[in-house]
């Protein structure tokens, strides 16, 4: 059911974005660092790094559609085996070696130097597709908007299948405009 809702939501947003008359698109290449804030395997994946692409659609309005594709690898590991108790047996809890996110949403640009965004979409972890949400505060380093910085919170819902715990992280990104 969750996959169907995500697919319908993404399809609707993409159709609305593509069907609009000629809009200016601004794309940024992002480098980011994620610090895990909560999750069952926080010790096994306390931080990660990755790359992404973020595109804003729209030109002269304060509200813009935004699409973001990111990929992160969690490099650190405390080498502790965490186990599920399934009643009669013990199974290892999967850590988060990496994740790929495809988020879509809206952004609000009150002036030339700052923006707020709220995105949602699928997150792919260990072969599973999970629903995620990503609110962000971004800022541009200059009026030309060639470089940006962004602080985000990423929450992946029901990451652990046994306990239904979420996975959350803070993300700090720096980007440069491609076009």
N, C-alpha and C. Protein backbone atom coordinates (compact mmCIF):
# COMPACT_ATOMS: atom_id res chain seq x y z
N UNK A 1 0.82 -1.19 0.00
CA UNK A 1 0.00 0.00 0.00
C UNK A 1 0.87 1.26 0.00
N UNK A 2 1.93 1.23 0.82
CA UNK A 2 2.82 2.38 0.91
C UNK A 2 3.50 2.65 -0.43
N UNK A 3 3.91 1.60 -1.13
CA UNK A 3 4.56 1.75 -2.43
C UNK A 3 3.60 2.37 -3.44
N UNK A 4 2.33 1.97 -3.38
CA UNK A 4 1.36 2.49 -4.32
C UNK A 4 1.12 3.98 -4.06
N UNK A 5 1.02 4.38 -2.81
CA UNK A 5 0.80 5.79 -2.48
C UNK A 5 1.98 6.63 -2.94
N UNK A 6 3.20 6.16 -2.69
CA UNK A 6 4.40 6.88 -3.11
C UNK A 6 4.44 7.00 -4.63
N UNK A 7 4.13 5.92 -5.33
CA UNK A 7 4.15 5.94 -6.79
C UNK A 7 3.12 6.92 -7.35
N UNK A 8 1.93 6.92 -6.80
CA UNK A 8 0.89 7.85 -7.26
C UNK A 8 1.29 9.28 -6.97
N UNK A 9 1.82 9.54 -5.77
CA UNK A 9 2.25 10.89 -5.41
C UNK A 9 3.36 11.39 -6.33
N UNK A 10 4.38 10.55 -6.57
CA UNK A 10 5.47 10.95 -7.47
C UNK A 10 4.97 11.18 -8.89
N UNK A 11 4.10 10.31 -9.36
CA UNK A 11 3.56 10.47 -10.72
C UNK A 11 2.79 11.77 -10.85
N UNK A 12 1.96 12.08 -9.87
CA UNK A 12 1.17 13.31 -9.91
C UNK A 12 2.07 14.54 -9.92
N UNK A 13 3.07 14.57 -9.05
CA UNK A 13 3.96 15.74 -8.98
C UNK A 13 4.78 15.88 -10.26
N UNK A 14 5.30 14.76 -10.78
CA UNK A 14 6.10 14.84 -12.00
C UNK A 14 5.26 15.27 -13.20
N UNK A 15 4.02 14.77 -13.30
CA UNK A 15 3.15 15.18 -14.41
C UNK A 15 2.85 16.66 -14.30
N UNK A 16 2.57 17.14 -13.10
CA UNK A 16 2.28 18.56 -12.91
C UNK A 16 3.50 19.42 -13.27
N UNK A 17 4.68 18.96 -12.91
CA UNK A 17 5.89 19.71 -13.18
C UNK A 17 6.21 19.73 -14.67
N UNK A 18 6.09 18.60 -15.33
CA UNK A 18 6.43 18.50 -16.75
C UNK A 18 5.37 19.18 -17.61
N UNK A 19 4.10 19.12 -17.20
CA UNK A 19 3.01 19.67 -18.00
C UNK A 19 2.93 21.19 -17.96
N UNK A 20 3.66 21.82 -17.07
CA UNK A 20 3.64 23.27 -16.99
C UNK A 20 4.28 23.88 -18.23
N UNK A 21 3.87 25.10 -18.60
CA UNK A 21 4.55 25.75 -19.72
C UNK A 21 6.02 26.00 -19.37
N UNK A 22 6.80 26.38 -20.35
CA UNK A 22 8.24 26.54 -20.18
C UNK A 22 8.59 27.19 -18.85
N UNK A 23 9.30 26.45 -18.03
CA UNK A 23 9.74 26.94 -16.74
C UNK A 23 11.25 26.89 -16.68
N UNK A 24 11.79 27.81 -15.98
CA UNK A 24 13.23 27.81 -15.77
C UNK A 24 13.55 26.74 -14.73
N UNK A 25 14.54 25.93 -15.00
CA UNK A 25 15.00 24.91 -14.05
C UNK A 25 16.42 25.25 -13.63
N UNK A 26 16.67 25.18 -12.35
CA UNK A 26 17.99 25.43 -11.80
C UNK A 26 18.45 24.17 -11.11
N UNK A 27 19.61 23.63 -11.52
CA UNK A 27 20.10 22.36 -10.98
C UNK A 27 21.42 22.57 -10.26
N UNK A 28 21.52 21.92 -9.09
CA UNK A 28 22.72 22.00 -8.26
C UNK A 28 23.29 20.60 -8.03
N UNK A 29 24.61 20.51 -8.04
CA UNK A 29 25.31 19.30 -7.64
C UNK A 29 25.64 19.46 -6.16
N UNK A 30 25.24 18.49 -5.34
CA UNK A 30 25.40 18.58 -3.90
C UNK A 30 26.40 17.56 -3.37
N UNK A 31 27.20 17.98 -2.40
CA UNK A 31 28.00 17.08 -1.59
C UNK A 31 27.47 17.19 -0.18
N UNK A 32 27.27 16.07 0.51
CA UNK A 32 26.62 16.14 1.81
C UNK A 32 27.21 15.17 2.81
N UNK A 33 27.02 15.52 4.08
CA UNK A 33 27.41 14.68 5.21
C UNK A 33 26.17 14.47 6.06
N UNK A 34 25.89 13.22 6.45
CA UNK A 34 24.73 12.89 7.28
C UNK A 34 25.19 12.39 8.63
N UNK A 35 24.57 12.89 9.68
CA UNK A 35 24.82 12.41 11.04
C UNK A 35 23.56 11.75 11.54
N UNK A 36 23.64 10.46 11.88
CA UNK A 36 22.47 9.71 12.32
C UNK A 36 22.01 10.23 13.69
N UNK A 37 20.71 10.56 13.80
CA UNK A 37 20.16 11.05 15.06
C UNK A 37 19.42 9.95 15.82
N UNK A 38 18.74 9.07 15.11
CA UNK A 38 18.05 7.97 15.79
C UNK A 38 17.83 6.82 14.82
N UNK A 39 17.70 5.66 15.39
CA UNK A 39 17.51 4.43 14.63
C UNK A 39 18.05 3.28 15.45
N UNK A 40 17.61 2.11 15.14
CA UNK A 40 17.99 0.93 15.92
C UNK A 40 19.47 0.61 15.78
N UNK A 41 20.08 0.96 14.66
CA UNK A 41 21.49 0.62 14.41
C UNK A 41 22.36 1.87 14.35
N UNK A 42 22.08 2.83 15.19
CA UNK A 42 22.84 4.10 15.16
C UNK A 42 24.34 3.87 15.32
N UNK A 43 24.75 2.96 16.17
CA UNK A 43 26.18 2.68 16.36
C UNK A 43 26.83 2.09 15.13
N UNK A 44 26.07 1.34 14.34
CA UNK A 44 26.63 0.72 13.14
C UNK A 44 26.67 1.67 11.95
N UNK A 45 25.98 2.79 12.04
CA UNK A 45 26.00 3.77 10.96
C UNK A 45 25.84 5.18 11.53
N UNK A 46 26.84 5.66 12.29
CA UNK A 46 26.70 6.98 12.92
C UNK A 46 26.80 8.16 11.96
N UNK A 47 27.48 8.00 10.83
CA UNK A 47 27.57 9.10 9.88
C UNK A 47 27.81 8.54 8.48
N UNK A 48 27.49 9.36 7.50
CA UNK A 48 27.68 8.97 6.11
C UNK A 48 27.95 10.19 5.26
N UNK A 49 28.33 9.94 4.04
CA UNK A 49 28.61 11.02 3.08
C UNK A 49 28.05 10.61 1.73
N UNK A 50 27.74 11.61 0.91
CA UNK A 50 27.19 11.29 -0.39
C UNK A 50 27.13 12.47 -1.34
N UNK A 51 26.55 12.18 -2.49
CA UNK A 51 26.37 13.16 -3.56
C UNK A 51 24.90 13.20 -3.95
N UNK A 52 24.51 14.32 -4.54
CA UNK A 52 23.13 14.43 -4.98
C UNK A 52 22.96 15.50 -6.03
N UNK A 53 21.78 15.51 -6.61
CA UNK A 53 21.38 16.53 -7.58
C UNK A 53 20.03 17.07 -7.13
N UNK A 54 19.93 18.40 -7.09
CA UNK A 54 18.70 19.06 -6.69
C UNK A 54 18.30 20.04 -7.79
N UNK A 55 17.04 19.97 -8.22
CA UNK A 55 16.54 20.85 -9.27
C UNK A 55 15.31 21.59 -8.79
N UNK A 56 15.34 22.93 -8.97
CA UNK A 56 14.19 23.78 -8.69
C UNK A 56 13.52 24.11 -10.02
N UNK A 57 12.18 24.03 -10.05
CA UNK A 57 11.42 24.36 -11.25
C UNK A 57 10.59 25.61 -10.96
N UNK A 58 10.64 26.59 -11.82
CA UNK A 58 9.90 27.84 -11.65
C UNK A 58 10.87 28.99 -11.73
N UNK A 59 10.35 30.17 -12.01
CA UNK A 59 11.27 31.28 -12.20
C UNK A 59 10.98 32.46 -11.30
N UNK A 60 9.85 33.10 -11.44
CA UNK A 60 9.64 34.38 -10.78
C UNK A 60 8.75 34.30 -9.55
N UNK A 61 8.28 33.13 -9.18
CA UNK A 61 7.43 33.02 -8.00
C UNK A 61 8.27 32.65 -6.78
N UNK A 62 7.69 32.85 -5.62
CA UNK A 62 8.39 32.48 -4.39
C UNK A 62 8.24 30.99 -4.09
N UNK A 63 7.24 30.35 -4.67
CA UNK A 63 7.04 28.91 -4.49
C UNK A 63 7.54 28.19 -5.74
N UNK A 64 8.34 27.16 -5.52
CA UNK A 64 8.90 26.39 -6.64
C UNK A 64 8.81 24.90 -6.33
N UNK A 65 8.63 24.12 -7.37
CA UNK A 65 8.70 22.67 -7.23
C UNK A 65 10.17 22.29 -7.14
N UNK A 66 10.47 21.24 -6.39
CA UNK A 66 11.85 20.80 -6.24
C UNK A 66 11.90 19.27 -6.30
N UNK A 67 12.93 18.77 -6.98
CA UNK A 67 13.19 17.33 -7.09
C UNK A 67 14.64 17.11 -6.66
N UNK A 68 14.86 16.07 -5.85
CA UNK A 68 16.21 15.80 -5.36
C UNK A 68 16.49 14.30 -5.40
N UNK A 69 17.63 13.94 -5.95
CA UNK A 69 18.11 12.57 -5.97
C UNK A 69 19.45 12.54 -5.25
N UNK A 70 19.55 11.76 -4.18
CA UNK A 70 20.80 11.68 -3.41
C UNK A 70 21.17 10.22 -3.17
N UNK A 71 22.45 10.00 -3.04
CA UNK A 71 22.98 8.69 -2.68
C UNK A 71 24.02 8.86 -1.59
N UNK A 72 23.89 8.10 -0.51
CA UNK A 72 24.78 8.22 0.64
C UNK A 72 25.35 6.86 1.02
N UNK A 73 26.59 6.88 1.48
CA UNK A 73 27.25 5.68 1.98
C UNK A 73 27.60 5.94 3.44
N UNK A 74 27.25 5.00 4.32
CA UNK A 74 27.58 5.12 5.75
C UNK A 74 28.87 4.35 5.99
N UNK A 75 29.92 5.10 6.30
CA UNK A 75 31.27 4.54 6.35
C UNK A 75 31.68 4.01 7.72
N UNK A 76 31.27 4.65 8.78
CA UNK A 76 31.69 4.25 10.13
C UNK A 76 30.85 3.07 10.62
N UNK A 77 31.44 2.27 11.51
CA UNK A 77 30.76 1.10 12.04
C UNK A 77 31.42 0.73 13.36
N UNK A 78 30.62 0.46 14.39
CA UNK A 78 31.20 0.10 15.69
C UNK A 78 31.44 -1.40 15.85
N UNK A 79 31.15 -2.18 14.80
CA UNK A 79 31.42 -3.63 14.76
C UNK A 79 30.69 -4.41 15.86
N UNK A 80 29.51 -3.93 16.26
CA UNK A 80 28.70 -4.63 17.26
C UNK A 80 27.54 -5.31 16.54
N UNK A 81 27.35 -6.61 16.81
CA UNK A 81 26.26 -7.36 16.21
C UNK A 81 25.01 -7.15 17.06
N UNK A 82 23.98 -6.60 16.45
CA UNK A 82 22.70 -6.42 17.12
C UNK A 82 21.73 -7.48 16.61
N UNK A 83 20.95 -8.08 17.53
CA UNK A 83 20.10 -9.21 17.18
C UNK A 83 18.63 -8.92 17.45
N UNK A 84 17.77 -9.47 16.60
CA UNK A 84 16.33 -9.52 16.84
C UNK A 84 16.04 -10.80 17.59
N UNK A 85 15.10 -10.77 18.51
CA UNK A 85 14.66 -12.02 19.14
C UNK A 85 13.32 -12.36 18.51
N UNK A 86 13.31 -13.39 17.70
CA UNK A 86 12.11 -13.79 16.97
C UNK A 86 11.32 -14.86 17.72
N UNK A 87 11.49 -14.96 19.01
CA UNK A 87 10.80 -15.98 19.79
C UNK A 87 11.67 -17.20 20.00
N UNK A 88 12.03 -17.89 18.93
CA UNK A 88 12.83 -19.11 19.05
C UNK A 88 14.23 -18.96 18.49
N UNK A 89 14.47 -17.92 17.70
CA UNK A 89 15.80 -17.77 17.10
C UNK A 89 16.23 -16.30 17.17
N UNK A 90 17.49 -16.10 16.90
CA UNK A 90 18.06 -14.76 16.87
C UNK A 90 18.52 -14.46 15.44
N UNK A 91 18.11 -13.32 14.92
CA UNK A 91 18.54 -12.90 13.58
C UNK A 91 19.22 -11.55 13.69
N UNK A 92 20.24 -11.30 12.87
CA UNK A 92 20.93 -10.01 12.95
C UNK A 92 20.05 -8.87 12.44
N UNK A 93 20.21 -7.72 13.07
CA UNK A 93 19.54 -6.50 12.63
C UNK A 93 20.39 -5.90 11.51
N UNK A 94 19.77 -5.63 10.38
CA UNK A 94 20.49 -5.04 9.26
C UNK A 94 20.86 -3.60 9.57
N UNK A 95 22.13 -3.26 9.35
CA UNK A 95 22.52 -1.86 9.50
C UNK A 95 22.21 -1.14 8.19
N UNK A 96 22.59 0.12 8.10
CA UNK A 96 22.34 0.93 6.91
C UNK A 96 23.68 1.18 6.24
N UNK A 97 24.08 0.34 5.28
CA UNK A 97 25.35 0.58 4.61
C UNK A 97 25.28 1.76 3.63
N UNK A 98 24.09 2.06 3.17
CA UNK A 98 23.90 3.17 2.25
C UNK A 98 22.43 3.35 1.95
N UNK A 99 22.09 4.48 1.35
CA UNK A 99 20.71 4.70 0.95
C UNK A 99 20.65 5.65 -0.24
N UNK A 100 19.61 5.47 -1.03
CA UNK A 100 19.34 6.34 -2.18
C UNK A 100 17.96 6.92 -1.95
N UNK A 101 17.85 8.25 -2.08
CA UNK A 101 16.58 8.94 -1.87
C UNK A 101 16.17 9.67 -3.14
N UNK A 102 14.89 9.59 -3.46
CA UNK A 102 14.30 10.37 -4.55
C UNK A 102 13.15 11.15 -3.95
N UNK A 103 13.40 12.40 -3.63
CA UNK A 103 12.41 13.23 -2.95
C UNK A 103 11.89 14.31 -3.89
N UNK A 104 10.59 14.58 -3.81
CA UNK A 104 9.95 15.67 -4.55
C UNK A 104 9.12 16.48 -3.58
N UNK A 105 8.94 17.75 -3.88
CA UNK A 105 8.15 18.58 -3.01
C UNK A 105 8.12 20.02 -3.47
N UNK A 106 7.99 20.92 -2.50
CA UNK A 106 7.88 22.34 -2.79
C UNK A 106 8.88 23.11 -1.95
N UNK A 107 9.28 24.26 -2.48
CA UNK A 107 10.18 25.14 -1.74
C UNK A 107 9.60 26.55 -1.75
N UNK A 108 9.92 27.28 -0.71
CA UNK A 108 9.48 28.67 -0.56
C UNK A 108 10.72 29.54 -0.45
N UNK A 109 10.84 30.52 -1.33
CA UNK A 109 12.00 31.41 -1.39
C UNK A 109 11.55 32.83 -1.02
N UNK A 110 11.61 33.19 0.27
CA UNK A 110 11.14 34.52 0.67
C UNK A 110 12.00 35.66 0.14
N UNK A 111 13.28 35.42 -0.08
CA UNK A 111 14.16 36.42 -0.68
C UNK A 111 15.26 35.72 -1.48
N UNK A 112 16.26 36.46 -1.93
CA UNK A 112 17.30 35.89 -2.79
C UNK A 112 18.31 35.02 -2.03
N UNK A 113 18.31 35.07 -0.71
CA UNK A 113 19.38 34.41 0.04
C UNK A 113 18.95 33.16 0.81
N UNK A 114 17.68 32.91 0.97
CA UNK A 114 17.25 31.80 1.83
C UNK A 114 16.04 31.10 1.21
N UNK A 115 15.89 29.81 1.52
CA UNK A 115 14.70 29.09 1.10
C UNK A 115 14.37 28.01 2.12
N UNK A 116 13.13 27.61 2.14
CA UNK A 116 12.63 26.51 2.96
C UNK A 116 12.01 25.49 2.02
N UNK A 117 12.22 24.22 2.29
CA UNK A 117 11.61 23.21 1.43
C UNK A 117 11.10 22.04 2.26
N UNK A 118 10.12 21.37 1.71
CA UNK A 118 9.57 20.15 2.29
C UNK A 118 9.40 19.16 1.16
N UNK A 119 10.09 18.03 1.28
CA UNK A 119 10.06 17.01 0.23
C UNK A 119 9.70 15.66 0.84
N UNK A 120 9.17 14.79 0.02
CA UNK A 120 8.86 13.43 0.43
C UNK A 120 9.06 12.49 -0.76
N UNK A 121 9.20 11.22 -0.48
CA UNK A 121 9.37 10.26 -1.56
C UNK A 121 10.00 8.97 -1.06
N UNK A 122 10.36 8.11 -1.99
CA UNK A 122 10.92 6.82 -1.62
C UNK A 122 12.39 6.91 -1.23
N UNK A 123 12.75 6.07 -0.28
CA UNK A 123 14.14 5.90 0.13
C UNK A 123 14.44 4.41 0.00
N UNK A 124 15.56 4.10 -0.62
CA UNK A 124 15.93 2.71 -0.87
C UNK A 124 17.08 2.33 0.05
N UNK A 125 16.81 1.40 0.99
CA UNK A 125 17.80 0.93 1.96
C UNK A 125 17.76 -0.59 1.98
N UNK A 126 18.90 -1.23 1.79
CA UNK A 126 19.00 -2.70 1.83
C UNK A 126 17.97 -3.38 0.94
N UNK A 127 17.70 -2.84 -0.22
CA UNK A 127 16.76 -3.45 -1.15
C UNK A 127 15.30 -3.19 -0.82
N UNK A 128 15.01 -2.40 0.19
CA UNK A 128 13.64 -2.07 0.55
C UNK A 128 13.32 -0.64 0.15
N UNK A 129 12.09 -0.43 -0.29
CA UNK A 129 11.64 0.92 -0.59
C UNK A 129 10.79 1.40 0.58
N UNK A 130 11.23 2.50 1.21
CA UNK A 130 10.55 3.04 2.38
C UNK A 130 10.18 4.49 2.12
N UNK A 131 9.18 4.98 2.83
CA UNK A 131 8.75 6.36 2.69
C UNK A 131 9.60 7.26 3.56
N UNK A 132 10.04 8.38 3.00
CA UNK A 132 10.85 9.34 3.74
C UNK A 132 10.33 10.75 3.58
N UNK A 133 10.74 11.61 4.49
CA UNK A 133 10.39 13.03 4.45
C UNK A 133 11.64 13.83 4.76
N UNK A 134 11.75 15.00 4.12
CA UNK A 134 12.96 15.81 4.27
C UNK A 134 12.63 17.30 4.28
N UNK A 135 12.46 17.90 5.45
CA UNK A 135 12.37 19.36 5.53
C UNK A 135 13.77 19.96 5.53
N UNK A 136 13.94 21.13 4.89
CA UNK A 136 15.26 21.74 4.75
C UNK A 136 15.19 23.25 4.88
N UNK A 137 16.30 23.81 5.31
CA UNK A 137 16.53 25.25 5.28
C UNK A 137 17.80 25.45 4.47
N UNK A 138 17.70 26.24 3.41
CA UNK A 138 18.84 26.46 2.54
C UNK A 138 19.17 27.93 2.42
N UNK A 139 20.39 28.20 2.04
CA UNK A 139 20.81 29.58 1.85
C UNK A 139 21.80 29.65 0.69
N UNK A 140 21.79 30.78 0.01
CA UNK A 140 22.71 31.02 -1.08
C UNK A 140 23.85 31.89 -0.56
N UNK A 141 25.06 31.63 -1.03
CA UNK A 141 26.22 32.37 -0.57
C UNK A 141 26.34 33.75 -1.22
N UNK A 142 25.65 33.97 -2.34
CA UNK A 142 25.72 35.26 -3.01
C UNK A 142 24.41 35.53 -3.75
N UNK A 143 24.25 36.73 -4.26
CA UNK A 143 23.05 37.10 -5.01
C UNK A 143 22.96 36.36 -6.34
N UNK A 144 24.09 35.94 -6.89
CA UNK A 144 24.07 35.21 -8.16
C UNK A 144 23.57 33.78 -7.99
N UNK A 145 23.48 33.30 -6.78
CA UNK A 145 22.98 31.97 -6.45
C UNK A 145 23.76 30.86 -7.15
N UNK A 146 25.06 31.00 -7.22
CA UNK A 146 25.93 29.98 -7.83
C UNK A 146 26.22 28.84 -6.84
N UNK A 147 26.28 29.13 -5.54
CA UNK A 147 26.58 28.14 -4.52
C UNK A 147 25.52 28.20 -3.43
N UNK A 148 25.21 27.06 -2.87
CA UNK A 148 24.23 27.02 -1.78
C UNK A 148 24.70 26.12 -0.66
N UNK A 149 24.14 26.34 0.50
CA UNK A 149 24.31 25.48 1.66
C UNK A 149 22.94 25.06 2.13
N UNK A 150 22.85 23.89 2.75
CA UNK A 150 21.53 23.40 3.15
C UNK A 150 21.65 22.54 4.40
N UNK A 151 20.76 22.75 5.35
CA UNK A 151 20.65 21.93 6.54
C UNK A 151 19.30 21.23 6.48
N UNK A 152 19.31 19.90 6.57
CA UNK A 152 18.09 19.12 6.42
C UNK A 152 17.96 18.09 7.52
N UNK A 153 16.74 17.66 7.73
CA UNK A 153 16.45 16.52 8.60
C UNK A 153 15.80 15.46 7.73
N UNK A 154 16.32 14.26 7.73
CA UNK A 154 15.77 13.17 6.93
C UNK A 154 15.16 12.15 7.89
N UNK A 155 13.89 11.81 7.69
CA UNK A 155 13.25 10.78 8.50
C UNK A 155 12.71 9.71 7.56
N UNK A 156 13.18 8.49 7.76
CA UNK A 156 12.71 7.33 6.98
C UNK A 156 11.79 6.53 7.89
N UNK A 157 10.54 6.39 7.51
CA UNK A 157 9.54 5.75 8.35
C UNK A 157 9.65 4.22 8.32
N UNK A 158 9.46 3.61 9.48
CA UNK A 158 9.42 2.14 9.65
C UNK A 158 10.62 1.44 9.03
N UNK A 159 11.81 1.96 9.27
CA UNK A 159 13.03 1.37 8.70
C UNK A 159 13.28 -0.02 9.25
N UNK A 160 13.06 -0.22 10.54
CA UNK A 160 13.26 -1.53 11.14
C UNK A 160 11.93 -2.28 11.10
N UNK A 161 11.89 -3.39 10.39
CA UNK A 161 10.64 -4.12 10.20
C UNK A 161 10.13 -4.75 11.49
N UNK A 162 11.03 -5.14 12.39
CA UNK A 162 10.63 -5.80 13.63
C UNK A 162 10.00 -4.83 14.61
N UNK A 163 10.64 -3.71 14.85
CA UNK A 163 10.18 -2.76 15.87
C UNK A 163 9.42 -1.58 15.29
N UNK A 164 9.39 -1.43 13.97
CA UNK A 164 8.76 -0.31 13.27
C UNK A 164 9.39 1.03 13.65
N UNK A 165 10.66 1.02 14.04
CA UNK A 165 11.37 2.25 14.38
C UNK A 165 11.76 3.00 13.11
N UNK A 166 11.76 4.32 13.21
CA UNK A 166 12.18 5.18 12.12
C UNK A 166 13.70 5.33 12.13
N UNK A 167 14.24 5.80 11.03
CA UNK A 167 15.65 6.12 10.92
C UNK A 167 15.75 7.61 10.61
N UNK A 168 16.52 8.33 11.39
CA UNK A 168 16.61 9.77 11.19
C UNK A 168 18.04 10.26 11.14
N UNK A 169 18.27 11.31 10.37
CA UNK A 169 19.61 11.89 10.30
C UNK A 169 19.54 13.37 9.96
N UNK A 170 20.55 14.09 10.40
CA UNK A 170 20.75 15.48 10.01
C UNK A 170 21.70 15.50 8.84
N UNK A 171 21.42 16.34 7.86
CA UNK A 171 22.24 16.40 6.66
C UNK A 171 22.71 17.83 6.46
N UNK A 172 24.01 17.99 6.21
CA UNK A 172 24.60 19.27 5.88
C UNK A 172 25.14 19.14 4.45
N UNK A 173 24.65 19.99 3.55
CA UNK A 173 25.04 19.89 2.14
C UNK A 173 25.54 21.22 1.63
N UNK A 174 26.48 21.14 0.70
CA UNK A 174 26.99 22.30 -0.02
C UNK A 174 26.87 21.96 -1.49
N UNK A 175 26.36 22.92 -2.28
CA UNK A 175 26.14 22.65 -3.69
C UNK A 175 26.62 23.77 -4.59
N UNK A 176 26.85 23.39 -5.83
CA UNK A 176 27.26 24.35 -6.85
C UNK A 176 26.29 24.21 -8.03
N UNK A 177 25.88 25.33 -8.59
CA UNK A 177 24.90 25.31 -9.69
C UNK A 177 25.56 24.78 -10.96
N UNK A 178 24.89 23.82 -11.57
CA UNK A 178 25.33 23.26 -12.84
C UNK A 178 24.75 24.04 -14.01
N UNK A 179 23.45 24.31 -13.95
CA UNK A 179 22.77 25.10 -14.99
C UNK A 179 21.44 25.60 -14.46
